Amino acid sequence: MPLYEYHCSTCRDTFEVLRPMGQAPVAEMCAEGHEAKKVLSTFATVGVAQEGGIAPSAFQGGGAGGCCNPGGCACH
């Protein structure tokens, strides 16, 4: 089940809700009872910038799992 992020413009509070994908468009209420809107969530990646300004990713053998890294998922 995905984690969705919501923001209440009245309270200026941002919070997360775990819900099925089919319920993603459903409006959510903040703890104070105001309607909150779904916002675009971001996630962090870790890497060291190399010459040229591109940080290495897990898909380049960084070891974060996935099919590119044997043993990192159920595929291998």
PDB file of N, CA and C in Angstrom:
ATOM      1  N   MET A   1       0.843  -1.166   0.000  1.00  0.00           N
ATOM      2  CA  MET A   1       0.000   0.000   0.000  1.00  0.00           C
ATOM      3  C   MET A   1       0.895   1.238   0.000  1.00  0.00           C
ATOM      4  N   PRO A   2       0.639   2.185  -0.884  1.00  0.00           N
ATOM      5  CA  PRO A   2       1.469   3.384  -0.957  1.00  0.00           C
ATOM      6  C   PRO A   2       1.189   4.378   0.173  1.00  0.00           C
ATOM      7  N   LEU A   3       2.161   5.193   0.421  1.00  0.00           N
ATOM      8  CA  LEU A   3       2.086   6.250   1.423  1.00  0.00           C
ATOM      9  C   LEU A   3       1.905   7.567   0.677  1.00  0.00           C
ATOM     10  N   TYR A   4       0.827   8.279   0.950  1.00  0.00           N
ATOM     11  CA  TYR A   4       0.529   9.543   0.292  1.00  0.00           C
ATOM     12  C   TYR A   4       0.759  10.686   1.267  1.00  0.00           C
ATOM     13  N   GLU A   5       1.210  11.816   0.751  1.00  0.00           N
ATOM     14  CA  GLU A   5       1.473  12.990   1.565  1.00  0.00           C
ATOM     15  C   GLU A   5       0.392  14.034   1.298  1.00  0.00           C
ATOM     16  N   TYR A   6      -0.130  14.632   2.365  1.00  0.00           N
ATOM     17  CA  TYR A   6      -1.181  15.641   2.271  1.00  0.00           C
ATOM     18  C   TYR A   6      -0.733  16.904   2.999  1.00  0.00           C
ATOM     19  N   HIS A   7      -1.284  18.052   2.558  1.00  0.00           N
ATOM     20  CA  HIS A   7      -0.961  19.330   3.193  1.00  0.00           C
ATOM     21  C   HIS A   7      -2.251  20.096   3.450  1.00  0.00           C
ATOM     22  N   CYS A   8      -2.404  20.584   4.679  1.00  0.00           N
ATOM     23  CA  CYS A   8      -3.534  21.412   5.060  1.00  0.00           C
ATOM     24  C   CYS A   8      -3.078  22.862   5.006  1.00  0.00           C
ATOM     25  N   SER A   9      -3.684  23.653   4.130  1.00  0.00           N
ATOM     26  CA  SER A   9      -3.279  25.055   4.004  1.00  0.00           C
ATOM     27  C   SER A   9      -3.777  25.892   5.181  1.00  0.00           C
ATOM     28  N   THR A  10      -4.807  25.448   5.877  1.00  0.00           N
ATOM     29  CA  THR A  10      -5.317  26.179   7.046  1.00  0.00           C
ATOM     30  C   THR A  10      -4.367  26.029   8.228  1.00  0.00           C
ATOM     31  N   CYS A  11      -3.984  24.786   8.546  1.00  0.00           N
ATOM     32  CA  CYS A  11      -3.094  24.513   9.684  1.00  0.00           C
ATOM     33  C   CYS A  11      -1.622  24.620   9.306  1.00  0.00           C
ATOM     34  N   ARG A  12      -1.366  24.578   7.993  1.00  0.00           N
ATOM     35  CA  ARG A  12       0.001  24.534   7.472  1.00  0.00           C
ATOM     36  C   ARG A  12       0.728  23.278   7.954  1.00  0.00           C
ATOM     37  N   ASP A  13      -0.025  22.205   8.015  1.00  0.00           N
ATOM     38  CA  ASP A  13       0.507  20.922   8.479  1.00  0.00           C
ATOM     39  C   ASP A  13       0.605  19.972   7.283  1.00  0.00           C
ATOM     40  N   THR A  14       1.682  19.207   7.228  1.00  0.00           N
ATOM     41  CA  THR A  14       1.857  18.177   6.213  1.00  0.00           C
ATOM     42  C   THR A  14       1.921  16.837   6.930  1.00  0.00           C
ATOM     43  N   PHE A  15       1.178  15.862   6.407  1.00  0.00           N
ATOM     44  CA  PHE A  15       1.131  14.544   7.046  1.00  0.00           C
ATOM     45  C   PHE A  15       1.015  13.471   5.984  1.00  0.00           C
ATOM     46  N   GLU A  16       1.239  12.220   6.389  1.00  0.00           N
ATOM     47  CA  GLU A  16       1.217  11.085   5.474  1.00  0.00           C
ATOM     48  C   GLU A  16       0.067  10.151   5.823  1.00  0.00           C
ATOM     49  N   VAL A  17      -0.487   9.514   4.795  1.00  0.00           N
ATOM     50  CA  VAL A  17      -1.580   8.554   4.972  1.00  0.00           C
ATOM     51  C   VAL A  17      -1.269   7.317   4.146  1.00  0.00           C
ATOM     52  N   LEU A  18      -1.385   6.157   4.762  1.00  0.00           N
ATOM     53  CA  LEU A  18      -1.196   4.884   4.089  1.00  0.00           C
ATOM     54  C   LEU A  18      -2.570   4.423   3.613  1.00  0.00           C
ATOM     55  N   ARG A  19      -2.747   4.308   2.285  1.00  0.00           N
ATOM     56  CA  ARG A  19      -4.052   3.906   1.751  1.00  0.00           C
ATOM     57  C   ARG A  19      -3.879   3.195   0.424  1.00  0.00           C
ATOM     58  N   PRO A  20      -4.870   2.384   0.026  1.00  0.00           N
ATOM     59  CA  PRO A  20      -4.804   1.697  -1.261  1.00  0.00           C
ATOM     60  C   PRO A  20      -4.755   2.693  -2.417  1.00  0.00           C
ATOM     61  N   MET A  21      -4.134   2.296  -3.530  1.00  0.00           N
ATOM     62  CA  MET A  21      -4.013   3.167  -4.689  1.00  0.00           C
ATOM     63  C   MET A  21      -5.374   3.613  -5.214  1.00  0.00           C
ATOM     64  N   GLY A  22      -6.365   2.775  -5.134  1.00  0.00           N
ATOM     65  CA  GLY A  22      -7.699   3.119  -5.610  1.00  0.00           C
ATOM     66  C   GLY A  22      -8.360   4.233  -4.826  1.00  0.00           C
ATOM     67  N   GLN A  23      -7.872   4.505  -3.620  1.00  0.00           N
ATOM     68  CA  GLN A  23      -8.428   5.566  -2.786  1.00  0.00           C
ATOM     69  C   GLN A  23      -7.558   6.819  -2.784  1.00  0.00           C
ATOM     70  N   ALA A  24      -6.549   6.882  -3.639  1.00  0.00           N
ATOM     71  CA  ALA A  24      -5.635   8.025  -3.667  1.00  0.00           C
ATOM     72  C   ALA A  24      -6.343   9.348  -3.921  1.00  0.00           C
ATOM     73  N   PRO A  25      -7.323   9.418  -4.840  1.00  0.00           N
ATOM     74  CA  PRO A  25      -7.960  10.715  -5.101  1.00  0.00           C
ATOM     75  C   PRO A  25      -8.925  11.179  -4.012  1.00  0.00           C
ATOM     76  N   VAL A  26      -9.250  10.320  -3.047  1.00  0.00           N
ATOM     77  CA  VAL A  26     -10.193  10.668  -1.993  1.00  0.00           C
ATOM     78  C   VAL A  26      -9.593  11.769  -1.119  1.00  0.00           C
ATOM     79  N   ALA A  27     -10.405  12.789  -0.822  1.00  0.00           N
ATOM     80  CA  ALA A  27      -9.943  13.890   0.033  1.00  0.00           C
ATOM     81  C   ALA A  27      -9.615  13.371   1.428  1.00  0.00           C
ATOM     82  N   GLU A  28      -8.680  14.026   2.086  1.00  0.00           N
ATOM     83  CA  GLU A  28      -8.253  13.632   3.433  1.00  0.00           C
ATOM     84  C   GLU A  28      -8.432  14.821   4.359  1.00  0.00           C
ATOM     85  N   MET A  29      -8.734  14.567   5.605  1.00  0.00           N
ATOM     86  CA  MET A  29      -8.879  15.620   6.596  1.00  0.00           C
ATOM     87  C   MET A  29      -7.654  15.636   7.505  1.00  0.00           C
ATOM     88  N   CYS A  30      -7.232  16.834   7.909  1.00  0.00           N
ATOM     89  CA  CYS A  30      -6.113  16.950   8.846  1.00  0.00           C
ATOM     90  C   CYS A  30      -6.622  16.626  10.250  1.00  0.00           C
ATOM     91  N   ALA A  31      -5.748  16.651  11.224  1.00  0.00           N
ATOM     92  CA  ALA A  31      -6.116  16.336  12.607  1.00  0.00           C
ATOM     93  C   ALA A  31      -7.129  17.339  13.167  1.00  0.00           C
ATOM     94  N   GLU A  32      -7.154  18.559  12.623  1.00  0.00           N
ATOM     95  CA  GLU A  32      -8.080  19.599  13.079  1.00  0.00           C
ATOM     96  C   GLU A  32      -9.415  19.565  12.337  1.00  0.00           C
ATOM     97  N   GLY A  33      -9.541  18.691  11.324  1.00  0.00           N
ATOM     98  CA  GLY A  33     -10.787  18.541  10.593  1.00  0.00           C
ATOM     99  C   GLY A  33     -10.907  19.373   9.327  1.00  0.00           C
ATOM    100  N   HIS A  34      -9.812  19.996   8.901  1.00  0.00           N
ATOM    101  CA  HIS A  34      -9.821  20.768   7.654  1.00  0.00           C
ATOM    102  C   HIS A  34      -9.489  19.849   6.480  1.00  0.00           C
ATOM    103  N   GLU A  35      -9.974  20.225   5.295  1.00  0.00           N
ATOM    104  CA  GLU A  35      -9.662  19.426   4.115  1.00  0.00           C
ATOM    105  C   GLU A  35      -8.217  19.671   3.688  1.00  0.00           C
ATOM    106  N   ALA A  36      -7.496  18.584   3.455  1.00  0.00           N
ATOM    107  CA  ALA A  36      -6.096  18.658   3.039  1.00  0.00           C
ATOM    108  C   ALA A  36      -5.974  18.154   1.614  1.00  0.00           C
ATOM    109  N   LYS A  37      -5.040  18.716   0.882  1.00  0.00           N
ATOM    110  CA  LYS A  37      -4.822  18.317  -0.509  1.00  0.00           C
ATOM    111  C   LYS A  37      -3.587  17.433  -0.617  1.00  0.00           C
ATOM    112  N   LYS A  38      -3.668  16.474  -1.543  1.00  0.00           N
ATOM    113  CA  LYS A  38      -2.540  15.581  -1.792  1.00  0.00           C
ATOM    114  C   LYS A  38      -1.431  16.380  -2.471  1.00  0.00           C
ATOM    115  N   VAL A  39      -0.205  16.187  -2.000  1.00  0.00           N
ATOM    116  CA  VAL A  39       0.941  16.881  -2.580  1.00  0.00           C
ATOM    117  C   VAL A  39       1.910  15.869  -3.167  1.00  0.00           C
ATOM    118  N   LEU A  40       2.766  16.337  -4.034  1.00  0.00           N
ATOM    119  CA  LEU A  40       3.768  15.485  -4.652  1.00  0.00           C
ATOM    120  C   LEU A  40       4.847  15.181  -3.625  1.00  0.00           C
ATOM    121  N   SER A  41       4.999  13.915  -3.301  1.00  0.00           N
ATOM    122  CA  SER A  41       6.031  13.501  -2.349  1.00  0.00           C
ATOM    123  C   SER A  41       7.363  13.369  -3.064  1.00  0.00           C
ATOM    124  N   THR A  42       8.418  13.635  -2.340  1.00  0.00           N
ATOM    125  CA  THR A  42       9.758  13.451  -2.885  1.00  0.00           C
ATOM    126  C   THR A  42      10.490  12.434  -2.035  1.00  0.00           C
ATOM    127  N   PHE A  43      11.515  11.850  -2.594  1.00  0.00           N
ATOM    128  CA  PHE A  43      12.321  10.907  -1.845  1.00  0.00           C
ATOM    129  C   PHE A  43      13.776  11.235  -2.097  1.00  0.00           C
ATOM    130  N   ALA A  44      14.604  10.844  -1.177  1.00  0.00           N
ATOM    131  CA  ALA A  44      16.026  11.153  -1.276  1.00  0.00           C
ATOM    132  C   ALA A  44      16.795   9.977  -1.859  1.00  0.00           C
ATOM    133  N   THR A  45      17.827  10.283  -2.613  1.00  0.00           N
ATOM    134  CA  THR A  45      18.764   9.270  -3.074  1.00  0.00           C
ATOM    135  C   THR A  45      20.134   9.661  -2.556  1.00  0.00           C
ATOM    136  N   VAL A  46      20.953   8.679  -2.339  1.00  0.00           N
ATOM    137  CA  VAL A  46      22.275   8.936  -1.789  1.00  0.00           C
ATOM    138  C   VAL A  46      23.316   8.624  -2.842  1.00  0.00           C
ATOM    139  N   GLY A  47      24.242   9.509  -3.002  1.00  0.00           N
ATOM    140  CA  GLY A  47      25.311   9.289  -3.962  1.00  0.00           C
ATOM    141  C   GLY A  47      26.337  10.401  -3.853  1.00  0.00           C
ATOM    142  N   VAL A  48      27.454  10.187  -4.461  1.00  0.00           N
ATOM    143  CA  VAL A  48      28.513  11.177  -4.475  1.00  0.00           C
ATOM    144  C   VAL A  48      28.634  11.694  -5.897  1.00  0.00           C
ATOM    145  N   ALA A  49      28.581  13.005  -6.045  1.00  0.00           N
ATOM    146  CA  ALA A  49      28.674  13.585  -7.382  1.00  0.00           C
ATOM    147  C   ALA A  49      30.046  13.292  -7.970  1.00  0.00           C
ATOM    148  N   GLN A  50      30.050  12.883  -9.217  1.00  0.00           N
ATOM    149  CA  GLN A  50      31.282  12.619  -9.924  1.00  0.00           C
ATOM    150  C   GLN A  50      31.567  13.786 -10.857  1.00  0.00           C
ATOM    151  N   GLU A  51      32.711  13.788 -11.468  1.00  0.00           N
ATOM    152  CA  GLU A  51      33.017  14.820 -12.443  1.00  0.00           C
ATOM    153  C   GLU A  51      31.932  14.793 -13.509  1.00  0.00           C
ATOM    154  N   GLY A  52      31.362  15.904 -13.806  1.00  0.00           N
ATOM    155  CA  GLY A  52      30.243  15.972 -14.730  1.00  0.00           C
ATOM    156  C   GLY A  52      28.942  16.219 -13.992  1.00  0.00           C
ATOM    157  N   GLY A  53      28.953  16.135 -12.645  1.00  0.00           N
ATOM    158  CA  GLY A  53      27.794  16.488 -11.845  1.00  0.00           C
ATOM    159  C   GLY A  53      26.703  15.447 -11.742  1.00  0.00           C
ATOM    160  N   ILE A  54      26.947  14.215 -12.127  1.00  0.00           N
ATOM    161  CA  ILE A  54      25.920  13.181 -12.037  1.00  0.00           C
ATOM    162  C   ILE A  54      26.279  12.240 -10.893  1.00  0.00           C
ATOM    163  N   ALA A  55      25.340  12.080  -9.966  1.00  0.00           N
ATOM    164  CA  ALA A  55      25.569  11.173  -8.845  1.00  0.00           C
ATOM    165  C   ALA A  55      25.258   9.749  -9.284  1.00  0.00           C
ATOM    166  N   PRO A  56      26.049   8.763  -8.847  1.00  0.00           N
ATOM    167  CA  PRO A  56      25.760   7.369  -9.195  1.00  0.00           C
ATOM    168  C   PRO A  56      24.469   6.924  -8.536  1.00  0.00           C
ATOM    169  N   SER A  57      23.768   6.024  -9.171  1.00  0.00           N
ATOM    170  CA  SER A  57      22.517   5.528  -8.609  1.00  0.00           C
ATOM    171  C   SER A  57      22.614   4.030  -8.382  1.00  0.00           C
ATOM    172  N   ALA A  58      21.568   3.495  -7.760  1.00  0.00           N
ATOM    173  CA  ALA A  58      21.518   2.056  -7.511  1.00  0.00           C
ATOM    174  C   ALA A  58      21.494   1.278  -8.819  1.00  0.00           C
ATOM    175  N   PHE A  59      20.963   1.877  -9.884  1.00  0.00           N
ATOM    176  CA  PHE A  59      20.885   1.196 -11.154  1.00  0.00           C
ATOM    177  C   PHE A  59      22.251   1.068 -11.825  1.00  0.00           C
ATOM    178  N   GLN A  60      23.241   1.759 -11.311  1.00  0.00           N
ATOM    179  CA  GLN A  60      24.592   1.668 -11.849  1.00  0.00           C
ATOM    180  C   GLN A  60      25.450   0.773 -10.955  1.00  0.00           C
ATOM    181  N   GLY A  61      24.811  -0.151 -10.244  1.00  0.00           N
ATOM    182  CA  GLY A  61      25.559  -1.069  -9.392  1.00  0.00           C
ATOM    183  C   GLY A  61      25.849  -0.506  -8.018  1.00  0.00           C
ATOM    184  N   GLY A  62      25.032   0.436  -7.567  1.00  0.00           N
ATOM    185  CA  GLY A  62      25.240   1.061  -6.265  1.00  0.00           C
ATOM    186  C   GLY A  62      24.901   0.173  -5.095  1.00  0.00           C
ATOM    187  N   GLY A  63      24.181  -0.917  -5.313  1.00  0.00           N
ATOM    188  CA  GLY A  63      23.918  -1.867  -4.244  1.00  0.00           C
ATOM    189  C   GLY A  63      22.650  -1.608  -3.456  1.00  0.00           C
ATOM    190  N   ALA A  64      21.667  -0.969  -4.020  1.00  0.00           N
ATOM    191  CA  ALA A  64      20.433  -0.715  -3.292  1.00  0.00           C
ATOM    192  C   ALA A  64      19.376  -1.775  -3.588  1.00  0.00           C
ATOM    193  N   GLY A  65      19.771  -2.877  -4.176  1.00  0.00           N
ATOM    194  CA  GLY A  65      18.822  -3.945  -4.473  1.00  0.00           C
ATOM    195  C   GLY A  65      18.332  -3.854  -5.901  1.00  0.00           C
ATOM    196  N   GLY A  66      17.270  -4.565  -6.188  1.00  0.00           N
ATOM    197  CA  GLY A  66      16.727  -4.561  -7.543  1.00  0.00           C
ATOM    198  C   GLY A  66      17.363  -5.647  -8.377  1.00  0.00           C
ATOM    199  N   CYS A  67      16.911  -5.802  -9.574  1.00  0.00           N
ATOM    200  CA  CYS A  67      17.366  -6.881 -10.437  1.00  0.00           C
ATOM    201  C   CYS A  67      18.795  -6.701 -10.934  1.00  0.00           C
ATOM    202  N   CYS A  68      19.328  -5.497 -10.854  1.00  0.00           N
ATOM    203  CA  CYS A  68      20.710  -5.250 -11.293  1.00  0.00           C
ATOM    204  C   CYS A  68      21.716  -5.748 -10.267  1.00  0.00           C
ATOM    205  N   ASN A  69      21.239  -6.100  -9.096  1.00  0.00           N
ATOM    206  CA  ASN A  69      22.108  -6.504  -7.995  1.00  0.00           C
ATOM    207  C   ASN A  69      21.688  -7.886  -7.522  1.00  0.00           C
ATOM    208  N   PRO A  70      22.322  -8.970  -8.018  1.00  0.00           N
ATOM    209  CA  PRO A  70      21.905 -10.314  -7.621  1.00  0.00           C
ATOM    210  C   PRO A  70      21.801 -10.466  -6.104  1.00  0.00           C
ATOM    211  N   GLY A  71      20.707 -11.044  -5.659  1.00  0.00           N
ATOM    212  CA  GLY A  71      20.466 -11.229  -4.246  1.00  0.00           C
ATOM    213  C   GLY A  71      19.697 -10.078  -3.629  1.00  0.00           C
ATOM    214  N   GLY A  72      19.483  -9.001  -4.387  1.00  0.00           N
ATOM    215  CA  GLY A  72      18.800  -7.840  -3.863  1.00  0.00           C
ATOM    216  C   GLY A  72      17.281  -7.916  -3.988  1.00  0.00           C
ATOM    217  N   CYS A  73      16.786  -8.894  -4.715  1.00  0.00           N
ATOM    218  CA  CYS A  73      15.336  -9.044  -4.857  1.00  0.00           C
ATOM    219  C   CYS A  73      15.020 -10.527  -5.040  1.00  0.00           C
ATOM    220  N   ALA A  74      13.771 -10.830  -5.210  1.00  0.00           N
ATOM    221  CA  ALA A  74      13.345 -12.219  -5.340  1.00  0.00           C
ATOM    222  C   ALA A  74      13.633 -12.792  -6.727  1.00  0.00           C
ATOM    223  N   CYS A  75      14.121 -11.959  -7.660  1.00  0.00           N
ATOM    224  CA  CYS A  75      14.383 -12.436  -9.020  1.00  0.00           C
ATOM    225  C   CYS A  75      15.609 -13.325  -9.086  1.00  0.00           C
ATOM    226  N   HIS A  76      16.549 -13.161  -8.173  1.00  0.00           N
ATOM    227  CA  HIS A  76      17.824 -13.899  -8.217  1.00  0.00           C
ATOM    228  C   HIS A  76      18.022 -14.694  -6.961  1.00  0.00           C
TER     229      HIS A  76
END
